Amino acid sequence: MKPSNPEQRWRLSIKQLKRILLIHYLPGQQVLRFNSSLKLFPEKLKSRWSVPFEISQFSPHRAITIKSLKDGHDFKVNGQRLKPYMGAHTK
């Protein structure tokens, strides 16, 4: 059922926005990146989260520049494809 007046539509969108978990990242924090590459023969027990990256810059609209800890390459990714890394801190 679709709400008829704009106020009800606004209330529904606020309820939906409250369900979204907003994670705040800091520069230098380590994160894991979601690996969404298509595989022909997927394996069930393999993790889809790649090795830790370090946050280097923020851009508008939740775009985050991350830096690979292995080779130093920079990637610009959507903030929704990241999750905090809770492992060992390397510095």
PDB file of N, CA and C in Angstrom:
ATOM      1  N   MET A   1       0.843  -1.182   0.000  1.00  0.00           N
ATOM      2  CA  MET A   1       0.000   0.000   0.000  1.00  0.00           C
ATOM      3  C   MET A   1       0.888   1.245   0.000  1.00  0.00           C
ATOM      4  N   LYS A   2       0.638   2.120  -0.913  1.00  0.00           N
ATOM      5  CA  LYS A   2       1.425   3.341  -1.048  1.00  0.00           C
ATOM      6  C   LYS A   2       0.730   4.484  -0.309  1.00  0.00           C
ATOM      7  N   PRO A   3       1.443   5.238   0.502  1.00  0.00           N
ATOM      8  CA  PRO A   3       0.827   6.364   1.209  1.00  0.00           C
ATOM      9  C   PRO A   3       0.343   7.430   0.231  1.00  0.00           C
ATOM     10  N   SER A   4      -0.766   8.043   0.583  1.00  0.00           N
ATOM     11  CA  SER A   4      -1.381   9.012  -0.332  1.00  0.00           C
ATOM     12  C   SER A   4      -0.815  10.424  -0.179  1.00  0.00           C
ATOM     13  N   ASN A   5      -0.523  10.850   1.013  1.00  0.00           N
ATOM     14  CA  ASN A   5      -0.033  12.226   1.161  1.00  0.00           C
ATOM     15  C   ASN A   5       1.485  12.250   1.371  1.00  0.00           C
ATOM     16  N   PRO A   6       2.127  13.378   1.058  1.00  0.00           N
ATOM     17  CA  PRO A   6       3.593  13.475   1.148  1.00  0.00           C
ATOM     18  C   PRO A   6       4.149  13.297   2.557  1.00  0.00           C
ATOM     19  N   GLU A   7       3.371  13.700   3.581  1.00  0.00           N
ATOM     20  CA  GLU A   7       3.862  13.579   4.949  1.00  0.00           C
ATOM     21  C   GLU A   7       4.052  12.113   5.332  1.00  0.00           C
ATOM     22  N   GLN A   8       3.124  11.270   4.924  1.00  0.00           N
ATOM     23  CA  GLN A   8       3.261   9.844   5.219  1.00  0.00           C
ATOM     24  C   GLN A   8       4.453   9.257   4.463  1.00  0.00           C
ATOM     25  N   ARG A   9       4.679   9.686   3.235  1.00  0.00           N
ATOM     26  CA  ARG A   9       5.833   9.208   2.475  1.00  0.00           C
ATOM     27  C   ARG A   9       7.131   9.610   3.174  1.00  0.00           C
ATOM     28  N   TRP A  10       7.174  10.826   3.711  1.00  0.00           N
ATOM     29  CA  TRP A  10       8.361  11.313   4.403  1.00  0.00           C
ATOM     30  C   TRP A  10       8.618  10.483   5.658  1.00  0.00           C
ATOM     31  N   ARG A  11       7.563  10.160   6.403  1.00  0.00           N
ATOM     32  CA  ARG A  11       7.715   9.368   7.620  1.00  0.00           C
ATOM     33  C   ARG A  11       8.233   7.968   7.291  1.00  0.00           C
ATOM     34  N   LEU A  12       7.770   7.389   6.213  1.00  0.00           N
ATOM     35  CA  LEU A  12       8.262   6.075   5.827  1.00  0.00           C
ATOM     36  C   LEU A  12       9.743   6.126   5.481  1.00  0.00           C
ATOM     37  N   SER A  13      10.154   7.173   4.797  1.00  0.00           N
ATOM     38  CA  SER A  13      11.562   7.252   4.430  1.00  0.00           C
ATOM     39  C   SER A  13      12.438   7.456   5.663  1.00  0.00           C
ATOM     40  N   ILE A  14      11.975   8.188   6.662  1.00  0.00           N
ATOM     41  CA  ILE A  14      12.729   8.385   7.898  1.00  0.00           C
ATOM     42  C   ILE A  14      12.861   7.048   8.638  1.00  0.00           C
ATOM     43  N   LYS A  15      11.789   6.260   8.672  1.00  0.00           N
ATOM     44  CA  LYS A  15      11.854   4.953   9.314  1.00  0.00           C
ATOM     45  C   LYS A  15      12.864   4.054   8.614  1.00  0.00           C
ATOM     46  N   GLN A  16      12.893   4.111   7.316  1.00  0.00           N
ATOM     47  CA  GLN A  16      13.835   3.288   6.567  1.00  0.00           C
ATOM     48  C   GLN A  16      15.260   3.766   6.792  1.00  0.00           C
ATOM     49  N   LEU A  17      15.479   5.077   6.874  1.00  0.00           N
ATOM     50  CA  LEU A  17      16.820   5.612   7.099  1.00  0.00           C
ATOM     51  C   LEU A  17      17.359   5.259   8.479  1.00  0.00           C
ATOM     52  N   LYS A  18      16.480   5.127   9.468  1.00  0.00           N
ATOM     53  CA  LYS A  18      16.928   4.783  10.813  1.00  0.00           C
ATOM     54  C   LYS A  18      17.473   3.363  10.869  1.00  0.00           C
ATOM     55  N   ARG A  19      17.068   2.524   9.937  1.00  0.00           N
ATOM     56  CA  ARG A  19      17.548   1.140   9.916  1.00  0.00           C
ATOM     57  C   ARG A  19      18.972   1.028   9.374  1.00  0.00           C
ATOM     58  N   ILE A  20      19.413   2.024   8.638  1.00  0.00           N
ATOM     59  CA  ILE A  20      20.738   1.983   8.041  1.00  0.00           C
ATOM     60  C   ILE A  20      21.779   2.290   9.118  1.00  0.00           C
ATOM     61  N   LEU A  21      22.746   1.404   9.248  1.00  0.00           N
ATOM     62  CA  LEU A  21      23.804   1.605  10.218  1.00  0.00           C
ATOM     63  C   LEU A  21      24.878   2.478   9.588  1.00  0.00           C
ATOM     64  N   LEU A  22      25.099   3.646  10.165  1.00  0.00           N
ATOM     65  CA  LEU A  22      26.121   4.545   9.658  1.00  0.00           C
ATOM     66  C   LEU A  22      27.415   4.307  10.422  1.00  0.00           C
ATOM     67  N   ILE A  23      28.450   3.938   9.702  1.00  0.00           N
ATOM     68  CA  ILE A  23      29.746   3.684  10.307  1.00  0.00           C
ATOM     69  C   ILE A  23      30.646   4.856   9.955  1.00  0.00           C
ATOM     70  N   HIS A  24      31.276   5.430  10.950  1.00  0.00           N
ATOM     71  CA  HIS A  24      32.167   6.552  10.725  1.00  0.00           C
ATOM     72  C   HIS A  24      33.607   6.053  10.723  1.00  0.00           C
ATOM     73  N   TYR A  25      34.337   6.395   9.691  1.00  0.00           N
ATOM     74  CA  TYR A  25      35.719   5.980   9.550  1.00  0.00           C
ATOM     75  C   TYR A  25      36.647   7.165   9.807  1.00  0.00           C
ATOM     76  N   LEU A  26      37.870   6.854  10.186  1.00  0.00           N
ATOM     77  CA  LEU A  26      38.889   7.874  10.435  1.00  0.00           C
ATOM     78  C   LEU A  26      40.068   7.650   9.493  1.00  0.00           C
ATOM     79  N   PRO A  27      40.774   8.705   9.097  1.00  0.00           N
ATOM     80  CA  PRO A  27      41.964   8.515   8.269  1.00  0.00           C
ATOM     81  C   PRO A  27      43.002   7.679   9.018  1.00  0.00           C
ATOM     82  N   GLY A  28      43.609   6.736   8.318  1.00  0.00           N
ATOM     83  CA  GLY A  28      44.580   5.845   8.926  1.00  0.00           C
ATOM     84  C   GLY A  28      43.985   4.572   9.494  1.00  0.00           C
ATOM     85  N   GLN A  29      42.653   4.498   9.565  1.00  0.00           N
ATOM     86  CA  GLN A  29      41.991   3.313  10.086  1.00  0.00           C
ATOM     87  C   GLN A  29      42.071   2.180   9.056  1.00  0.00           C
ATOM     88  N   GLN A  30      42.205   0.953   9.527  1.00  0.00           N
ATOM     89  CA  GLN A  30      42.254  -0.186   8.629  1.00  0.00           C
ATOM     90  C   GLN A  30      40.855  -0.745   8.416  1.00  0.00           C
ATOM     91  N   VAL A  31      40.553  -1.082   7.152  1.00  0.00           N
ATOM     92  CA  VAL A  31      39.247  -1.598   6.781  1.00  0.00           C
ATOM     93  C   VAL A  31      39.412  -2.785   5.839  1.00  0.00           C
ATOM     94  N   LEU A  32      38.339  -3.571   5.707  1.00  0.00           N
ATOM     95  CA  LEU A  32      38.287  -4.652   4.734  1.00  0.00           C
ATOM     96  C   LEU A  32      37.375  -4.221   3.595  1.00  0.00           C
ATOM     97  N   ARG A  33      37.736  -4.586   2.359  1.00  0.00           N
ATOM     98  CA  ARG A  33      36.948  -4.227   1.180  1.00  0.00           C
ATOM     99  C   ARG A  33      36.207  -5.449   0.685  1.00  0.00           C
ATOM    100  N   PHE A  34      34.922  -5.288   0.342  1.00  0.00           N
ATOM    101  CA  PHE A  34      34.115  -6.378  -0.183  1.00  0.00           C
ATOM    102  C   PHE A  34      34.560  -6.700  -1.599  1.00  0.00           C
ATOM    103  N   ASN A  35      34.868  -7.959  -1.868  1.00  0.00           N
ATOM    104  CA  ASN A  35      35.321  -8.402  -3.180  1.00  0.00           C
ATOM    105  C   ASN A  35      34.112  -8.910  -3.958  1.00  0.00           C
ATOM    106  N   SER A  36      33.692  -8.172  -4.981  1.00  0.00           N
ATOM    107  CA  SER A  36      32.486  -8.527  -5.725  1.00  0.00           C
ATOM    108  C   SER A  36      32.793  -9.076  -7.108  1.00  0.00           C
ATOM    109  N   SER A  37      33.974  -9.637  -7.298  1.00  0.00           N
ATOM    110  CA  SER A  37      34.316 -10.161  -8.623  1.00  0.00           C
ATOM    111  C   SER A  37      33.518 -11.435  -8.903  1.00  0.00           C
ATOM    112  N   LEU A  38      33.119 -11.576 -10.141  1.00  0.00           N
ATOM    113  CA  LEU A  38      32.319 -12.724 -10.565  1.00  0.00           C
ATOM    114  C   LEU A  38      33.225 -13.940 -10.723  1.00  0.00           C
ATOM    115  N   LYS A  39      32.819 -15.060 -10.131  1.00  0.00           N
ATOM    116  CA  LYS A  39      33.593 -16.284 -10.236  1.00  0.00           C
ATOM    117  C   LYS A  39      32.735 -17.346 -10.915  1.00  0.00           C
ATOM    118  N   LEU A  40      33.351 -18.126 -11.779  1.00  0.00           N
ATOM    119  CA  LEU A  40      32.605 -19.167 -12.481  1.00  0.00           C
ATOM    120  C   LEU A  40      32.264 -20.341 -11.568  1.00  0.00           C
ATOM    121  N   PHE A  41      33.177 -20.705 -10.686  1.00  0.00           N
ATOM    122  CA  PHE A  41      32.953 -21.808  -9.770  1.00  0.00           C
ATOM    123  C   PHE A  41      33.112 -21.303  -8.340  1.00  0.00           C
ATOM    124  N   PRO A  42      32.045 -20.757  -7.764  1.00  0.00           N
ATOM    125  CA  PRO A  42      32.173 -20.188  -6.420  1.00  0.00           C
ATOM    126  C   PRO A  42      32.410 -21.274  -5.365  1.00  0.00           C
ATOM    127  N   GLU A  43      33.220 -20.956  -4.399  1.00  0.00           N
ATOM    128  CA  GLU A  43      33.489 -21.860  -3.293  1.00  0.00           C
ATOM    129  C   GLU A  43      32.747 -21.356  -2.072  1.00  0.00           C
ATOM    130  N   LYS A  44      32.104 -22.244  -1.380  1.00  0.00           N
ATOM    131  CA  LYS A  44      31.243 -21.837  -0.277  1.00  0.00           C
ATOM    132  C   LYS A  44      32.003 -21.294   0.927  1.00  0.00           C
ATOM    133  N   LEU A  45      33.157 -21.846   1.224  1.00  0.00           N
ATOM    134  CA  LEU A  45      33.844 -21.484   2.456  1.00  0.00           C
ATOM    135  C   LEU A  45      34.830 -20.343   2.298  1.00  0.00           C
ATOM    136  N   LYS A  46      34.924 -19.754   1.131  1.00  0.00           N
ATOM    137  CA  LYS A  46      35.880 -18.681   0.906  1.00  0.00           C
ATOM    138  C   LYS A  46      35.277 -17.326   1.297  1.00  0.00           C
ATOM    139  N   SER A  47      36.033 -16.529   1.997  1.00  0.00           N
ATOM    140  CA  SER A  47      35.562 -15.218   2.420  1.00  0.00           C
ATOM    141  C   SER A  47      35.563 -14.250   1.239  1.00  0.00           C
ATOM    142  N   ARG A  48      34.600 -13.347   1.198  1.00  0.00           N
ATOM    143  CA  ARG A  48      34.525 -12.373   0.126  1.00  0.00           C
ATOM    144  C   ARG A  48      35.105 -11.030   0.551  1.00  0.00           C
ATOM    145  N   TRP A  49      35.720 -10.966   1.711  1.00  0.00           N
ATOM    146  CA  TRP A  49      36.345  -9.735   2.189  1.00  0.00           C
ATOM    147  C   TRP A  49      37.835  -9.839   1.967  1.00  0.00           C
ATOM    148  N   SER A  50      38.417  -8.844   1.305  1.00  0.00           N
ATOM    149  CA  SER A  50      39.832  -8.890   0.958  1.00  0.00           C
ATOM    150  C   SER A  50      40.712  -8.394   2.108  1.00  0.00           C
ATOM    151  N   VAL A  51      42.012  -8.449   1.884  1.00  0.00           N
ATOM    152  CA  VAL A  51      43.011  -8.090   2.911  1.00  0.00           C
ATOM    153  C   VAL A  51      42.812  -6.648   3.389  1.00  0.00           C
ATOM    154  N   PRO A  52      43.362  -6.286   4.543  1.00  0.00           N
ATOM    155  CA  PRO A  52      43.149  -4.939   5.084  1.00  0.00           C
ATOM    156  C   PRO A  52      43.728  -3.829   4.200  1.00  0.00           C
ATOM    157  N   PHE A  53      43.010  -2.719   4.185  1.00  0.00           N
ATOM    158  CA  PHE A  53      43.428  -1.499   3.507  1.00  0.00           C
ATOM    159  C   PHE A  53      43.447  -0.383   4.537  1.00  0.00           C
ATOM    160  N   GLU A  54      44.119   0.705   4.216  1.00  0.00           N
ATOM    161  CA  GLU A  54      44.172   1.863   5.103  1.00  0.00           C
ATOM    162  C   GLU A  54      43.448   3.032   4.438  1.00  0.00           C
ATOM    163  N   ILE A  55      42.610   3.726   5.188  1.00  0.00           N
ATOM    164  CA  ILE A  55      41.871   4.865   4.648  1.00  0.00           C
ATOM    165  C   ILE A  55      42.823   6.046   4.519  1.00  0.00           C
ATOM    166  N   SER A  56      42.812   6.665   3.315  1.00  0.00           N
ATOM    167  CA  SER A  56      43.703   7.801   3.119  1.00  0.00           C
ATOM    168  C   SER A  56      42.956   9.112   2.901  1.00  0.00           C
ATOM    169  N   GLN A  57      41.798   9.082   2.238  1.00  0.00           N
ATOM    170  CA  GLN A  57      41.068  10.320   1.932  1.00  0.00           C
ATOM    171  C   GLN A  57      39.572  10.066   1.897  1.00  0.00           C
ATOM    172  N   PHE A  58      38.811  11.149   2.111  1.00  0.00           N
ATOM    173  CA  PHE A  58      37.365  11.101   2.004  1.00  0.00           C
ATOM    174  C   PHE A  58      36.918  12.014   0.877  1.00  0.00           C
ATOM    175  N   SER A  59      35.879  11.608   0.166  1.00  0.00           N
ATOM    176  CA  SER A  59      35.272  12.412  -0.890  1.00  0.00           C
ATOM    177  C   SER A  59      33.783  12.545  -0.579  1.00  0.00           C
ATOM    178  N   PRO A  60      33.086  13.441  -1.270  1.00  0.00           N
ATOM    179  CA  PRO A  60      31.656  13.578  -1.018  1.00  0.00           C
ATOM    180  C   PRO A  60      30.889  12.305  -1.378  1.00  0.00           C
ATOM    181  N   HIS A  61      29.722  12.165  -0.812  1.00  0.00           N
ATOM    182  CA  HIS A  61      28.792  11.068  -1.091  1.00  0.00           C
ATOM    183  C   HIS A  61      29.377   9.712  -0.728  1.00  0.00           C
ATOM    184  N   ARG A  62      30.067   9.621   0.421  1.00  0.00           N
ATOM    185  CA  ARG A  62      30.597   8.387   0.989  1.00  0.00           C
ATOM    186  C   ARG A  62      31.623   7.687   0.111  1.00  0.00           C
ATOM    187  N   ALA A  63      32.249   8.378  -0.794  1.00  0.00           N
ATOM    188  CA  ALA A  63      33.356   7.800  -1.561  1.00  0.00           C
ATOM    189  C   ALA A  63      34.624   7.938  -0.722  1.00  0.00           C
ATOM    190  N   ILE A  64      35.341   6.835  -0.580  1.00  0.00           N
ATOM    191  CA  ILE A  64      36.520   6.807   0.279  1.00  0.00           C
ATOM    192  C   ILE A  64      37.699   6.286  -0.527  1.00  0.00           C
ATOM    193  N   THR A  65      38.829   6.961  -0.402  1.00  0.00           N
ATOM    194  CA  THR A  65      40.059   6.502  -1.054  1.00  0.00           C
ATOM    195  C   THR A  65      40.824   5.658  -0.052  1.00  0.00           C
ATOM    196  N   ILE A  66      41.104   4.409  -0.442  1.00  0.00           N
ATOM    197  CA  ILE A  66      41.838   3.504   0.429  1.00  0.00           C
ATOM    198  C   ILE A  66      43.164   3.144  -0.219  1.00  0.00           C
ATOM    199  N   LYS A  67      44.119   2.788   0.613  1.00  0.00           N
ATOM    200  CA  LYS A  67      45.476   2.485   0.154  1.00  0.00           C
ATOM    201  C   LYS A  67      45.809   1.050   0.531  1.00  0.00           C
ATOM    202  N   SER A  68      46.308   0.291  -0.426  1.00  0.00           N
ATOM    203  CA  SER A  68      46.699  -1.092  -0.182  1.00  0.00           C
ATOM    204  C   SER A  68      47.928  -1.134   0.707  1.00  0.00           C
ATOM    205  N   LEU A  69      47.914  -2.001   1.706  1.00  0.00           N
ATOM    206  CA  LEU A  69      49.058  -2.117   2.597  1.00  0.00           C
ATOM    207  C   LEU A  69      50.174  -2.943   1.969  1.00  0.00           C
ATOM    208  N   LYS A  70      49.846  -3.758   0.969  1.00  0.00           N
ATOM    209  CA  LYS A  70      50.856  -4.605   0.336  1.00  0.00           C
ATOM    210  C   LYS A  70      51.724  -3.831  -0.650  1.00  0.00           C
ATOM    211  N   ASP A  71      51.073  -3.145  -1.615  1.00  0.00           N
ATOM    212  CA  ASP A  71      51.854  -2.494  -2.675  1.00  0.00           C
ATOM    213  C   ASP A  71      51.655  -0.986  -2.760  1.00  0.00           C
ATOM    214  N   GLY A  72      50.787  -0.408  -1.943  1.00  0.00           N
ATOM    215  CA  GLY A  72      50.638   1.036  -1.895  1.00  0.00           C
ATOM    216  C   GLY A  72      49.730   1.648  -2.949  1.00  0.00           C
ATOM    217  N   HIS A  73      48.994   0.845  -3.720  1.00  0.00           N
ATOM    218  CA  HIS A  73      48.071   1.380  -4.721  1.00  0.00           C
ATOM    219  C   HIS A  73      46.855   2.004  -4.041  1.00  0.00           C
ATOM    220  N   ASP A  74      46.320   3.069  -4.656  1.00  0.00           N
ATOM    221  CA  ASP A  74      45.125   3.739  -4.141  1.00  0.00           C
ATOM    222  C   ASP A  74      43.903   3.288  -4.913  1.00  0.00           C
ATOM    223  N   PHE A  75      42.782   3.098  -4.197  1.00  0.00           N
ATOM    224  CA  PHE A  75      41.500   2.741  -4.788  1.00  0.00           C
ATOM    225  C   PHE A  75      40.461   3.706  -4.256  1.00  0.00           C
ATOM    226  N   LYS A  76      39.513   4.104  -5.090  1.00  0.00           N
ATOM    227  CA  LYS A  76      38.379   4.897  -4.640  1.00  0.00           C
ATOM    228  C   LYS A  76      37.162   3.983  -4.658  1.00  0.00           C
ATOM    229  N   VAL A  77      36.553   3.777  -3.498  1.00  0.00           N
ATOM    230  CA  VAL A  77      35.433   2.852  -3.374  1.00  0.00           C
ATOM    231  C   VAL A  77      34.283   3.525  -2.630  1.00  0.00           C
ATOM    232  N   ASN A  78      33.127   2.914  -2.743  1.00  0.00           N
ATOM    233  CA  ASN A  78      31.957   3.350  -2.011  1.00  0.00           C
ATOM    234  C   ASN A  78      32.124   2.942  -0.552  1.00  0.00           C
ATOM    235  N   GLY A  79      31.742   3.787   0.373  1.00  0.00           N
ATOM    236  CA  GLY A  79      31.883   3.499   1.791  1.00  0.00           C
ATOM    237  C   GLY A  79      31.059   2.322   2.261  1.00  0.00           C
ATOM    238  N   GLN A  80      30.018   1.950   1.503  1.00  0.00           N
ATOM    239  CA  GLN A  80      29.191   0.816   1.878  1.00  0.00           C
ATOM    240  C   GLN A  80      29.877  -0.510   1.588  1.00  0.00           C
ATOM    241  N   ARG A  81      30.959  -0.497   0.820  1.00  0.00           N
ATOM    242  CA  ARG A  81      31.689  -1.725   0.510  1.00  0.00           C
ATOM    243  C   ARG A  81      32.827  -1.981   1.497  1.00  0.00           C
ATOM    244  N   LEU A  82      32.861  -1.220   2.576  1.00  0.00           N
ATOM    245  CA  LEU A  82      33.927  -1.358   3.566  1.00  0.00           C
ATOM    246  C   LEU A  82      33.348  -1.762   4.910  1.00  0.00           C
ATOM    247  N   LYS A  83      34.168  -2.454   5.686  1.00  0.00           N
ATOM    248  CA  LYS A  83      33.820  -2.694   7.086  1.00  0.00           C
ATOM    249  C   LYS A  83      35.096  -2.588   7.905  1.00  0.00           C
ATOM    250  N   PRO A  84      34.988  -2.162   9.162  1.00  0.00           N
ATOM    251  CA  PRO A  84      36.184  -1.975   9.987  1.00  0.00           C
ATOM    252  C   PRO A  84      36.935  -3.288  10.182  1.00  0.00           C
ATOM    253  N   TYR A  85      38.248  -3.193  10.209  1.00  0.00           N
ATOM    254  CA  TYR A  85      39.109  -4.338  10.432  1.00  0.00           C
ATOM    255  C   TYR A  85      39.440  -4.399  11.908  1.00  0.00           C
ATOM    256  N   MET A  86      39.117  -5.508  12.559  1.00  0.00           N
ATOM    257  CA  MET A  86      39.318  -5.636  14.006  1.00  0.00           C
ATOM    258  C   MET A  86      40.538  -6.470  14.353  1.00  0.00           C
ATOM    259  N   GLY A  87      41.417  -6.744  13.389  1.00  0.00           N
ATOM    260  CA  GLY A  87      42.586  -7.577  13.628  1.00  0.00           C
ATOM    261  C   GLY A  87      43.731  -6.790  14.220  1.00  0.00           C
ATOM    262  N   ALA A  88      44.916  -7.308  14.015  1.00  0.00           N
ATOM    263  CA  ALA A  88      46.121  -6.672  14.551  1.00  0.00           C
ATOM    264  C   ALA A  88      46.376  -5.337  13.863  1.00  0.00           C
ATOM    265  N   HIS A  89      46.816  -4.372  14.624  1.00  0.00           N
ATOM    266  CA  HIS A  89      47.111  -3.035  14.100  1.00  0.00           C
ATOM    267  C   HIS A  89      48.590  -2.994  13.730  1.00  0.00           C
ATOM    268  N   THR A  90      48.894  -2.706  12.445  1.00  0.00           N
ATOM    269  CA  THR A  90      50.284  -2.712  11.994  1.00  0.00           C
ATOM    270  C   THR A  90      50.783  -1.289  11.801  1.00  0.00           C
ATOM    271  N   LYS A  91      51.678  -0.828  12.638  1.00  0.00           N
ATOM    272  CA  LYS A  91      52.314   0.493  12.496  1.00  0.00           C
ATOM    273  C   LYS A  91      53.616   0.500  13.199  1.00  0.00           C
TER     274      LYS A  91
END
